[in-house]
N, C-alpha and C. Protein backbone atom coordinates (compact mmCIF):
# COMPACT_ATOMS: atom_id res chain seq x y z
N UNK A 1 -2.00 8.71 3.42
CA UNK A 1 -0.91 8.91 4.63
C UNK A 1 0.42 9.36 3.85
N UNK A 2 1.24 10.10 3.70
CA UNK A 2 2.60 9.93 3.15
C UNK A 2 3.57 9.80 4.30
N UNK A 3 4.76 9.50 3.89
CA UNK A 3 5.83 9.70 4.63
C UNK A 3 5.88 10.67 5.82
N UNK A 4 5.67 11.96 5.50
CA UNK A 4 5.77 13.24 6.14
C UNK A 4 4.68 13.11 7.36
N UNK A 5 4.10 12.14 7.39
CA UNK A 5 3.11 12.20 8.57
C UNK A 5 3.56 11.64 9.68
N UNK A 6 4.65 10.50 9.57
CA UNK A 6 5.50 9.69 10.47
C UNK A 6 5.52 11.02 11.94
N UNK A 7 5.17 10.38 12.90
CA UNK A 7 5.54 11.41 14.00
C UNK A 7 4.06 11.83 14.53
N UNK A 8 2.93 12.33 13.49
CA UNK A 8 1.98 12.97 13.95
C UNK A 8 0.71 12.55 13.40
N UNK A 9 1.06 11.46 13.48
CA UNK A 9 -0.09 10.49 13.09
C UNK A 9 -0.50 10.14 14.38
N UNK A 10 -0.69 9.96 15.73
CA UNK A 10 -1.48 9.99 17.08
C UNK A 10 -2.72 11.23 17.08
N UNK A 11 -1.56 12.41 17.11
CA UNK A 11 -2.91 13.24 16.86
C UNK A 11 -3.62 13.85 15.94
N UNK A 12 -3.52 13.03 14.76
CA UNK A 12 -3.98 13.76 13.39
C UNK A 12 -5.30 12.34 13.53
N UNK A 13 -4.99 11.02 14.14
CA UNK A 13 -6.43 10.10 14.50
C UNK A 13 -6.94 10.79 15.54
N UNK A 14 -6.30 11.08 16.66
CA UNK A 14 -7.13 11.77 17.71
C UNK A 14 -8.07 13.05 17.02
N UNK A 15 -7.58 13.27 16.39
CA UNK A 15 -8.68 14.71 15.78
C UNK A 15 -9.67 13.72 15.01
N UNK A 16 -9.47 13.03 14.10
CA UNK A 16 -10.68 12.23 13.22
C UNK A 16 -11.52 11.28 14.22
N UNK A 17 -11.21 10.84 15.36
CA UNK A 17 -11.87 10.31 16.46
C UNK A 17 -12.94 10.88 16.98
N UNK A 18 -12.24 12.52 17.66
CA UNK A 18 -12.83 13.94 17.76
C UNK A 18 -14.01 13.85 17.24
N UNK A 19 -14.01 14.42 16.21
CA UNK A 19 -14.99 14.70 15.28
C UNK A 19 -15.75 14.20 14.82
N UNK A 20 -15.57 13.28 14.13
CA UNK A 20 -16.58 11.99 13.48
C UNK A 20 -16.83 10.76 14.15
N UNK A 21 -16.04 10.42 15.02
CA UNK A 21 -16.52 9.14 15.94
C UNK A 21 -16.79 8.07 14.63
N UNK A 22 -15.83 7.92 14.05
CA UNK A 22 -15.95 6.47 13.10
C UNK A 22 -16.07 5.29 13.58
N UNK A 23 -16.43 4.19 13.21
CA UNK A 23 -16.58 2.67 13.83
C UNK A 23 -15.25 2.29 13.09
N UNK A 24 -14.74 2.63 12.12
CA UNK A 24 -13.31 2.42 11.09
C UNK A 24 -12.75 3.00 10.66
N UNK A 25 -11.48 2.85 10.79
CA UNK A 25 -10.74 4.14 9.98
C UNK A 25 -9.97 3.49 8.78
N UNK A 26 -9.73 3.96 7.72
CA UNK A 26 -9.10 3.05 6.87
C UNK A 26 -7.65 4.03 6.61
N UNK A 27 -6.62 3.92 7.15
CA UNK A 27 -5.77 4.36 6.73
C UNK A 27 -4.65 4.21 5.46
N UNK A 28 -4.84 4.96 4.32
CA UNK A 28 -4.32 4.53 3.19
C UNK A 28 -3.26 5.74 2.55
N UNK A 29 -2.22 4.55 2.71
CA UNK A 29 -0.84 5.37 2.36
C UNK A 29 -0.84 5.72 0.79
N UNK A 30 0.49 6.63 0.63
CA UNK A 30 0.77 6.79 -0.76
C UNK A 30 1.05 5.03 -1.24
N UNK A 31 1.54 5.64 -2.43
CA UNK A 31 1.63 4.38 -3.17
C UNK A 31 3.14 3.98 -2.86
N UNK A 32 3.47 4.72 -2.63
CA UNK A 32 4.95 4.63 -2.41
C UNK A 32 5.64 4.75 -0.79
N UNK A 33 4.71 4.88 -0.36
CA UNK A 33 5.05 4.95 1.67
C UNK A 33 5.29 3.51 1.99
N UNK A 34 6.21 3.32 3.09
CA UNK A 34 6.67 2.43 3.12
C UNK A 34 6.01 1.93 5.12
N UNK A 35 5.33 0.86 4.51
CA UNK A 35 4.34 0.78 5.52
C UNK A 35 5.24 0.19 7.50
N UNK A 36 6.10 0.03 6.94
CA UNK A 36 7.30 -0.04 8.40
C UNK A 36 7.35 0.88 9.43
N UNK A 37 7.70 1.98 8.00
CA UNK A 37 7.87 3.03 8.75
C UNK A 37 6.46 3.85 9.53
N UNK A 38 5.47 3.35 9.27
CA UNK A 38 4.41 3.55 9.90
C UNK A 38 3.89 3.11 11.43
N UNK A 39 4.44 1.52 11.19
CA UNK A 39 4.15 0.76 12.38
C UNK A 39 4.04 1.10 13.71
N UNK A 40 5.39 1.95 13.97
CA UNK A 40 5.77 2.22 15.39
C UNK A 40 4.89 3.38 15.58
N UNK A 41 4.36 4.31 14.56
CA UNK A 41 3.15 5.18 14.80
C UNK A 41 1.74 4.56 15.65
N UNK A 42 1.36 3.55 14.71
CA UNK A 42 0.41 2.68 14.79
C UNK A 42 0.27 2.40 16.69
N UNK A 43 1.88 1.76 16.75
CA UNK A 43 1.42 1.03 18.45
C UNK A 43 1.22 2.08 19.16
N UNK A 44 1.65 3.72 18.63
CA UNK A 44 1.62 4.64 19.91
C UNK A 44 0.22 4.88 19.85
N UNK A 45 -1.48 4.24 18.96
CA UNK A 45 -2.48 4.56 19.11
C UNK A 45 -3.53 3.52 19.33
N UNK A 46 -2.91 2.50 20.34
CA UNK A 46 -3.37 1.03 20.74
C UNK A 46 -4.67 1.43 22.00
N UNK A 47 -4.38 2.57 22.70
CA UNK A 47 -5.28 3.12 23.57
C UNK A 47 -6.57 3.74 22.94
N UNK A 48 -6.46 3.80 21.45
CA UNK A 48 -7.22 4.84 20.62
C UNK A 48 -8.10 4.04 19.74
N UNK A 49 -7.40 3.39 18.96
CA UNK A 49 -8.24 1.80 18.02
C UNK A 49 -7.20 0.91 18.32
N UNK A 50 -8.43 -0.16 17.83
CA UNK A 50 -7.45 -1.49 17.19
C UNK A 50 -6.77 -1.45 15.62
N UNK A 51 -5.16 -2.08 15.46
CA UNK A 51 -5.29 -2.32 14.30
C UNK A 51 -5.74 -3.47 14.00
N UNK A 52 -5.78 -3.52 12.72
CA UNK A 52 -6.30 -4.72 11.60
C UNK A 52 -5.41 -5.41 11.03
N UNK A 53 -4.87 -4.20 9.96
CA UNK A 53 -4.32 -4.96 9.05
C UNK A 53 -3.51 -4.41 8.34
N UNK A 54 -2.36 -4.56 7.03
CA UNK A 54 -1.80 -4.09 6.10
C UNK A 54 -2.26 -4.46 5.25
N UNK A 55 -2.66 -3.87 3.94
CA UNK A 55 -2.95 -4.57 3.01
C UNK A 55 -2.22 -3.99 1.88
N UNK A 56 -1.38 -4.92 0.79
CA UNK A 56 -0.22 -4.27 -0.32
C UNK A 56 -0.98 -4.50 -1.43
N UNK A 57 -1.27 -3.44 -2.48
CA UNK A 57 -2.10 -3.57 -3.54
C UNK A 57 -0.76 -3.90 -4.61
N UNK A 58 -0.66 -4.86 -5.16
CA UNK A 58 0.40 -5.42 -6.11
C UNK A 58 -0.61 -5.18 -7.78
N UNK A 59 0.29 -4.60 -8.65
CA UNK A 59 0.08 -4.70 -9.84
C UNK A 59 0.62 -5.89 -10.83
N UNK A 60 -0.17 -6.53 -11.08
CA UNK A 60 0.13 -7.76 -11.41
C UNK A 60 0.91 -7.50 -12.41
N UNK A 61 0.69 -6.67 -13.52
CA UNK A 61 1.35 -6.19 -15.32
C UNK A 61 2.45 -5.78 -14.39
N UNK A 62 3.06 -5.05 -13.83
CA UNK A 62 4.25 -4.75 -13.56
C UNK A 62 5.34 -4.62 -11.95
N UNK A 63 4.66 -5.30 -11.75
CA UNK A 63 5.15 -6.01 -10.22
C UNK A 63 6.39 -6.46 -10.67
N UNK A 64 6.89 -7.36 -11.22
CA UNK A 64 8.15 -7.59 -11.52
C UNK A 64 9.63 -6.49 -11.93
N UNK A 65 8.73 -5.56 -12.28
CA UNK A 65 9.95 -4.66 -13.12
C UNK A 65 9.91 -3.49 -11.75
N UNK A 66 8.59 -3.29 -10.83
CA UNK A 66 8.78 -2.59 -9.61
C UNK A 66 9.51 -3.24 -8.58
N UNK A 67 9.13 -4.44 -8.42
CA UNK A 67 10.20 -5.20 -7.54
C UNK A 67 11.71 -5.26 -7.48
N UNK A 68 12.02 -5.05 -8.71
CA UNK A 68 13.19 -5.23 -9.13
C UNK A 68 13.95 -4.02 -9.30
N UNK A 69 13.41 -2.57 -8.88
CA UNK A 69 14.11 -1.71 -8.88
C UNK A 69 13.84 -0.87 -7.92
N UNK A 70 13.31 -1.16 -6.97
CA UNK A 70 12.80 -0.17 -5.40
C UNK A 70 12.42 -1.25 -4.49
N UNK A 71 13.62 -1.01 -3.57
CA UNK A 71 13.25 -1.30 -2.70
C UNK A 71 11.88 -1.05 -1.11
N UNK A 72 11.49 -0.19 -1.37
CA UNK A 72 10.33 0.38 -0.59
C UNK A 72 9.34 -0.77 -0.74
N UNK A 73 9.16 -1.14 -2.59
CA UNK A 73 8.24 -1.85 -3.20
C UNK A 73 8.29 -3.27 -2.43
N UNK A 74 9.53 -3.82 -1.54
CA UNK A 74 9.63 -4.92 -1.99
C UNK A 74 9.52 -5.55 -0.09
N UNK A 75 9.71 -4.17 0.65
CA UNK A 75 9.35 -4.00 1.92
C UNK A 75 7.56 -3.75 2.16
N UNK A 76 6.86 -3.23 1.11
CA UNK A 76 5.39 -2.99 0.79
C UNK A 76 4.77 -4.68 1.06
N UNK A 77 5.73 -5.38 0.20
CA UNK A 77 5.26 -6.69 0.49
C UNK A 77 4.94 -7.39 1.57
N UNK A 78 6.90 -7.43 2.05
CA UNK A 78 7.02 -8.23 3.35
C UNK A 78 6.37 -7.09 4.51
N UNK A 79 5.23 -6.26 4.64
CA UNK A 79 4.73 -5.61 5.62
C UNK A 79 3.57 -6.01 5.65
N UNK A 80 3.31 -6.96 4.41
CA UNK A 80 1.63 -6.52 4.13
C UNK A 80 0.88 -7.86 5.07
N UNK A 81 -0.01 -8.06 5.57
CA UNK A 81 -1.61 -9.07 5.82
C UNK A 81 -1.78 -9.64 4.89
N UNK A 82 -1.94 -8.98 3.94
CA UNK A 82 -2.63 -9.02 3.06
C UNK A 82 -1.94 -8.26 1.52
N UNK A 83 -2.25 -9.53 0.53
CA UNK A 83 -1.87 -9.14 -0.92
C UNK A 83 -2.96 -9.38 -1.59
N UNK A 84 -3.04 -7.90 -1.95
CA UNK A 84 -3.90 -7.68 -3.44
C UNK A 84 -3.73 -7.74 -4.54
N UNK A 85 -3.40 -9.10 -5.41
CA UNK A 85 -2.82 -8.89 -6.40
C UNK A 85 -4.22 -8.33 -7.47
N UNK A 86 -3.84 -7.10 -7.72
CA UNK A 86 -4.73 -6.74 -9.25
C UNK A 86 -4.15 -6.56 -10.38
N UNK A 87 -5.37 -6.15 -11.61
CA UNK A 87 -4.95 -6.23 -12.57
C UNK A 87 -4.50 -7.99 -13.32
N UNK A 88 -4.82 -9.10 -12.58
CA UNK A 88 -4.97 -10.16 -13.15
C UNK A 88 -5.15 -10.40 -14.64
N UNK A 89 -6.18 -9.79 -14.92
CA UNK A 89 -6.41 -9.75 -16.38
C UNK A 89 -5.82 -9.62 -17.37
N UNK A 90 -4.59 -8.80 -17.26
CA UNK A 90 -3.64 -8.27 -17.75
C UNK A 90 -2.33 -9.49 -17.59
N UNK A 91 -2.30 -10.03 -17.35
CA UNK A 91 -1.13 -11.31 -17.37
C UNK A 91 -1.43 -12.57 -17.68
N UNK A 92 -0.65 -13.23 -18.48
CA UNK A 92 -0.94 -14.59 -18.79
C UNK A 92 -0.98 -15.78 -16.86
N UNK A 93 -1.17 -16.70 -17.09
CA UNK A 93 -1.33 -17.59 -15.91
C UNK A 93 0.49 -17.78 -15.19
N UNK A 94 1.38 -18.14 -16.56
CA UNK A 94 3.00 -18.37 -16.17
C UNK A 94 3.17 -17.69 -15.33
N UNK A 95 3.00 -15.81 -15.70
CA UNK A 95 3.47 -14.92 -15.23
C UNK A 95 2.66 -14.33 -13.67
N UNK A 96 1.81 -14.77 -13.57
CA UNK A 96 0.68 -14.86 -12.36
C UNK A 96 1.18 -16.03 -11.37
N UNK A 97 1.77 -17.18 -11.79
CA UNK A 97 2.20 -17.78 -10.98
C UNK A 97 3.43 -17.64 -10.59
N UNK A 98 4.51 -17.34 -11.61
CA UNK A 98 5.54 -16.28 -11.29
C UNK A 98 5.91 -15.74 -10.27
N UNK A 99 4.62 -14.79 -10.28
CA UNK A 99 3.85 -13.80 -9.58
C UNK A 99 3.81 -13.86 -7.87
N UNK A 100 3.56 -14.97 -8.21
CA UNK A 100 2.67 -15.21 -6.97
C UNK A 100 3.94 -16.07 -5.24
N UNK A 101 4.90 -16.85 -6.72
CA UNK A 101 5.87 -17.29 -5.79
C UNK A 101 7.07 -16.41 -5.47
N UNK A 102 6.79 -15.12 -6.16
CA UNK A 102 7.75 -14.01 -6.03
C UNK A 102 7.69 -13.50 -5.19
N UNK A 103 6.23 -13.38 -4.65
CA UNK A 103 5.58 -13.00 -3.17
C UNK A 103 5.67 -13.36 -2.05
N UNK A 104 5.71 -14.90 -2.05
CA UNK A 104 5.56 -15.96 -1.10
C UNK A 104 7.06 -15.56 -1.00
N UNK A 105 7.97 -15.65 -1.47
CA UNK A 105 9.06 -15.72 -1.12
C UNK A 105 9.61 -14.38 -0.25
N UNK A 106 8.94 -13.28 -0.40
CA UNK A 106 9.39 -11.99 0.18
C UNK A 106 8.40 -11.91 1.25
N UNK A 107 7.25 -12.96 1.48
CA UNK A 107 6.17 -12.95 2.62
C UNK A 107 5.35 -14.34 3.32
N UNK A 108 5.76 -15.03 3.86
CA UNK A 108 5.37 -16.51 3.54
C UNK A 108 4.11 -16.42 4.52
N UNK A 109 3.64 -15.46 5.20
CA UNK A 109 2.50 -15.26 5.92
C UNK A 109 1.26 -14.66 5.63
N UNK A 110 0.94 -14.03 4.46
CA UNK A 110 0.11 -12.80 3.74
C UNK A 110 -0.55 -13.54 3.51
N UNK A 111 -2.14 -13.33 3.14
CA UNK A 111 -3.15 -13.73 2.84
C UNK A 111 -3.18 -13.00 1.62
N UNK A 112 -3.46 -13.89 0.29
CA UNK A 112 -3.15 -13.43 -1.12
C UNK A 112 -4.60 -13.57 -1.64
N UNK A 113 -5.33 -12.77 -2.23
CA UNK A 113 -6.13 -12.32 -2.85
C UNK A 113 -6.05 -11.72 -4.18
N UNK A 114 -6.58 -12.05 -5.06
CA UNK A 114 -6.68 -11.87 -6.47
C UNK A 114 -7.93 -10.65 -6.92
N UNK A 115 -7.17 -9.93 -8.17
CA UNK A 115 -8.76 -9.24 -8.64
C UNK A 115 -8.54 -8.14 -9.53
N UNK A 116 -9.45 -8.34 -10.41
CA UNK A 116 -9.77 -7.94 -11.54
C UNK A 116 -10.05 -6.16 -11.49
N UNK A 117 -9.79 -4.90 -11.88
CA UNK A 117 -9.90 -4.03 -12.14
C UNK A 117 -10.39 -3.36 -10.41
N UNK A 118 -9.76 -4.22 -9.41
CA UNK A 118 -9.82 -3.81 -8.16
C UNK A 118 -10.95 -4.24 -7.79
N UNK A 119 -11.93 -5.24 -7.98
CA UNK A 119 -13.00 -5.68 -8.06
C UNK A 119 -12.99 -6.85 -6.69
N UNK A 120 -13.41 -6.71 -5.22
CA UNK A 120 -13.09 -8.04 -4.48
C UNK A 120 -13.95 -7.75 -3.43
N UNK A 121 -14.03 -9.04 -2.71
CA UNK A 121 -14.98 -8.55 -1.39
C UNK A 121 -14.43 -7.68 -0.35
N UNK A 122 -14.99 -6.85 0.02
CA UNK A 122 -14.16 -5.71 0.78
C UNK A 122 -14.50 -6.72 2.29
N UNK A 123 -15.05 -7.46 2.78
CA UNK A 123 -14.77 -7.74 3.65
C UNK A 123 -13.74 -9.06 4.17
N UNK A 124 -12.66 -8.90 2.84
CA UNK A 124 -11.74 -9.71 3.42
C UNK A 124 -10.61 -8.91 3.85
N UNK A 125 -10.85 -7.43 3.84
CA UNK A 125 -10.12 -6.69 4.29
C UNK A 125 -10.00 -6.12 5.59
N UNK A 126 -11.83 -5.36 6.45
CA UNK A 126 -11.89 -4.92 7.02
C UNK A 126 -12.71 -6.17 7.88
N UNK A 127 -12.40 -5.77 9.36
CA UNK A 127 -13.38 -6.21 10.41
C UNK A 127 -12.79 -7.45 11.05
N UNK A 128 -11.26 -8.06 10.10
CA UNK A 128 -10.60 -9.00 10.14
C UNK A 128 -9.05 -9.22 10.20
N UNK A 129 -8.34 -9.72 11.59
CA UNK A 129 -7.38 -9.46 11.62
C UNK A 129 -6.59 -10.85 11.14
N UNK A 130 -6.13 -10.56 10.22
CA UNK A 130 -5.56 -12.20 10.00
C UNK A 130 -4.28 -12.24 10.76
N UNK A 131 -3.83 -12.01 11.71
CA UNK A 131 -2.59 -11.94 12.10
C UNK A 131 -3.10 -11.76 13.92
N UNK A 132 -4.34 -12.04 14.05
CA UNK A 132 -5.32 -11.48 15.55
C UNK A 132 -4.12 -13.10 16.35
N UNK A 133 -4.00 -12.98 17.83
CA UNK A 133 -3.27 -13.94 18.47
C UNK A 133 -4.37 -13.98 19.87
N UNK A 134 -4.35 -14.84 20.68
CA UNK A 134 -5.31 -15.28 21.63
C UNK A 134 -5.10 -13.82 23.05
N UNK A 135 -4.36 -13.11 22.56
CA UNK A 135 -4.29 -12.74 23.89
C UNK A 135 -4.82 -10.72 23.80
N UNK A 136 -5.42 -11.26 22.24
CA UNK A 136 -6.28 -10.11 21.74
C UNK A 136 -4.98 -8.92 20.79
N UNK A 137 -3.89 -8.97 21.00
CA UNK A 137 -3.19 -8.16 20.55
C UNK A 137 -2.32 -8.84 18.99
N UNK A 138 -1.91 -7.76 18.03
CA UNK A 138 -2.13 -8.10 16.79
C UNK A 138 -0.32 -8.38 16.64
N UNK A 139 -0.54 -9.56 15.50
CA UNK A 139 1.03 -9.80 15.44
C UNK A 139 1.89 -8.77 14.95
N UNK A 140 1.34 -7.68 14.43
CA UNK A 140 1.50 -6.51 13.31
C UNK A 140 2.41 -5.77 15.01
N UNK A 141 1.64 -5.29 15.71
CA UNK A 141 2.72 -4.43 16.71
C UNK A 141 3.26 -5.15 17.44
N UNK A 142 4.05 -6.56 16.94
CA UNK A 142 5.16 -7.72 17.24
C UNK A 142 6.16 -7.83 16.42
N UNK A 143 6.09 -6.81 14.96
CA UNK A 143 6.91 -7.41 14.21
C UNK A 143 8.16 -6.26 14.55
N UNK A 144 9.37 -7.14 14.04
CA UNK A 144 10.50 -7.06 14.08
C UNK A 144 11.03 -5.86 13.37
N UNK A 145 11.24 -4.37 13.53
CA UNK A 145 11.03 -3.08 12.50
C UNK A 145 12.74 -2.64 12.73
N UNK A 146 13.41 -2.62 11.76
CA UNK A 146 14.44 -1.04 12.16
C UNK A 146 13.95 0.02 12.35
N UNK A 147 14.85 0.91 12.61
CA UNK A 147 14.33 2.30 13.08
C UNK A 147 13.58 3.04 11.89
N UNK A 148 14.46 3.03 10.80
CA UNK A 148 13.23 3.09 9.65
C UNK A 148 13.54 2.43 8.36
N UNK A 149 12.70 2.09 7.55
CA UNK A 149 13.01 1.31 6.47
C UNK A 149 13.13 2.17 4.98
N UNK A 150 13.77 1.80 3.88
CA UNK A 150 13.89 2.71 3.10
C UNK A 150 12.50 3.36 2.25
N UNK A 151 12.91 4.22 1.34
CA UNK A 151 11.81 5.21 1.36
C UNK A 151 11.97 5.03 0.22
N UNK A 152 10.77 6.03 -0.74
CA UNK A 152 10.69 6.42 -2.19
C UNK A 152 12.03 7.46 -2.25
N UNK A 153 12.56 8.25 -1.31
CA UNK A 153 13.45 9.25 -1.69
C UNK A 153 14.62 8.43 -1.53
N UNK A 154 14.61 7.25 -0.88
CA UNK A 154 15.91 6.19 -1.39
C UNK A 154 16.34 5.64 -2.21
N UNK A 155 15.64 5.27 -3.14
CA UNK A 155 15.20 5.03 -4.64
C UNK A 155 15.33 5.78 -5.12
N UNK A 156 15.33 7.01 -5.02
CA UNK A 156 15.21 7.83 -6.35
C UNK A 156 14.12 8.39 -6.85
N UNK A 157 13.15 8.10 -6.42
CA UNK A 157 11.63 8.53 -6.74
C UNK A 157 11.26 9.70 -5.69
N UNK A 158 10.86 10.70 -6.97
CA UNK A 158 10.39 11.43 -6.53
C UNK A 158 8.90 12.11 -7.07
N UNK A 159 8.86 13.37 -6.20
CA UNK A 159 7.11 13.48 -6.75
C UNK A 159 7.16 14.96 -7.20
N UNK A 160 6.19 15.19 -8.15
CA UNK A 160 5.61 16.25 -8.85
C UNK A 160 4.32 16.91 -9.16
N UNK A 161 4.12 18.26 -9.37
CA UNK A 161 2.93 18.35 -9.05
C UNK A 161 2.87 19.90 -9.79
N UNK A 162 2.08 19.51 -10.58
CA UNK A 162 1.72 20.45 -11.94
C UNK A 162 0.36 20.85 -11.72
N UNK A 163 0.24 22.32 -11.79
CA UNK A 163 -1.16 22.84 -11.27
C UNK A 163 -1.34 23.55 -12.78
N UNK A 164 -2.79 23.35 -13.51
CA UNK A 164 -2.59 23.94 -14.97
C UNK A 164 -3.64 24.92 -15.10
N UNK A 165 -3.74 25.87 -15.47
CA UNK A 165 -3.97 26.94 -15.98
C UNK A 165 -5.14 27.05 -16.30
N UNK A 166 -5.43 26.19 -17.34
CA UNK A 166 -6.75 25.57 -18.29
C UNK A 166 -6.61 24.41 -18.59
N UNK A 167 -8.38 23.49 -18.79
CA UNK A 167 -8.66 22.52 -18.36
C UNK A 167 -8.02 21.70 -19.55
N UNK A 168 -7.79 20.59 -19.40
CA UNK A 168 -7.29 19.32 -20.10
C UNK A 168 -8.46 18.95 -21.24
N UNK A 169 -7.81 18.42 -22.73
CA UNK A 169 -8.61 17.80 -23.40
C UNK A 169 -8.64 16.30 -22.98
N UNK A 170 -10.01 15.82 -22.51
CA UNK A 170 -9.85 14.28 -22.31
C UNK A 170 -9.14 13.82 -23.28
N UNK A 171 -9.65 13.23 -24.35
CA UNK A 171 -9.19 12.21 -25.50
C UNK A 171 -7.77 12.62 -25.31
N UNK A 172 -6.94 14.22 -25.65
CA UNK A 172 -5.45 13.98 -25.41
C UNK A 172 -4.51 13.59 -24.39
N UNK A 173 -5.45 13.56 -23.55
CA UNK A 173 -4.52 13.21 -21.86
C UNK A 173 -4.70 11.85 -21.79
N UNK A 174 -5.70 11.51 -22.32
CA UNK A 174 -6.17 9.93 -21.92
C UNK A 174 -5.01 8.97 -23.05
N UNK A 175 -4.69 9.80 -24.51
CA UNK A 175 -3.74 9.34 -24.75
C UNK A 175 -2.22 9.65 -24.72
N UNK A 176 -1.85 10.50 -24.14
CA UNK A 176 -0.67 11.01 -23.61
C UNK A 176 0.16 9.79 -22.62
N UNK A 177 -1.46 9.91 -21.55
CA UNK A 177 -0.90 8.80 -20.34
C UNK A 177 -0.84 7.24 -20.99
N UNK A 178 -1.21 6.83 -21.63
CA UNK A 178 -1.54 5.48 -22.49
C UNK A 178 -0.45 5.47 -23.44
N UNK A 179 -0.10 6.72 -24.26
CA UNK A 179 0.72 5.75 -25.10
C UNK A 179 2.46 6.60 -24.97
N UNK A 180 2.56 8.14 -24.52
CA UNK A 180 3.94 8.46 -24.23
C UNK A 180 4.41 8.71 -22.96
N UNK A 181 3.83 8.35 -21.60
CA UNK A 181 4.11 8.03 -20.54
C UNK A 181 5.16 7.13 -20.53
N UNK A 182 6.57 7.92 -20.37
CA UNK A 182 7.77 6.37 -19.69
C UNK A 182 7.71 5.80 -18.86
N UNK A 183 8.35 4.58 -18.59
CA UNK A 183 7.96 3.61 -17.39
C UNK A 183 8.58 4.51 -16.38
N UNK A 184 9.86 5.36 -16.54
CA UNK A 184 9.85 5.30 -14.89
C UNK A 184 8.69 6.86 -14.24
N UNK A 185 7.61 6.64 -14.63
CA UNK A 185 6.74 7.27 -14.21
C UNK A 185 6.32 6.32 -13.63
N UNK A 186 6.11 6.36 -12.61
CA UNK A 186 5.31 5.35 -11.58
C UNK A 186 3.85 5.50 -11.57
N UNK A 187 3.28 6.74 -10.93
CA UNK A 187 1.98 7.40 -10.68
C UNK A 187 1.60 8.54 -11.26
N UNK A 188 0.06 8.45 -11.60
CA UNK A 188 -0.44 9.79 -12.25
C UNK A 188 -1.73 10.22 -11.53
N UNK A 189 -1.62 11.11 -10.89
CA UNK A 189 -2.84 11.60 -10.11
C UNK A 189 -3.48 12.58 -10.43
N UNK A 190 -4.93 12.71 -10.77
CA UNK A 190 -5.41 14.21 -10.80
C UNK A 190 -7.03 14.09 -10.87
């Protein structure tokens, strides 16, 4: 899900529920989406689904620079019920300790889970609402929200799609993305 789905989430989830009847729906936003901007839409789904939690994945190796540069990254941390710090094997204990302190300053209530290569017990994310209240309502539905929070566009981030007419050579591609991609490129998917 990206920011462009705001306002259409209820109908999209409704179609998903009627066609497939899933027990669990995991809504994964793009890496640059602001969860606060989707929470209002999630409130409209209370009659159809029970909201569990917001999980934000934090890249341990890149977190400091990303949090310094982008307001949307800070809001992703603030919105989280669960902070999954990934790639802890790429940083030292001192860096990890500093990152945990910085994340705690942005969000005092989130459960923090550490991982290497995204490996963690999935039961930590699904089926348990870390902010469940006695009346059955999630604290997430009560969070104070601004009308619209910062987005990747406000931070000057844009996307680019490249359609190739021929397949890429795997080794050349891997060499390029590991050696020659500037720090201003945040995500590459393909």
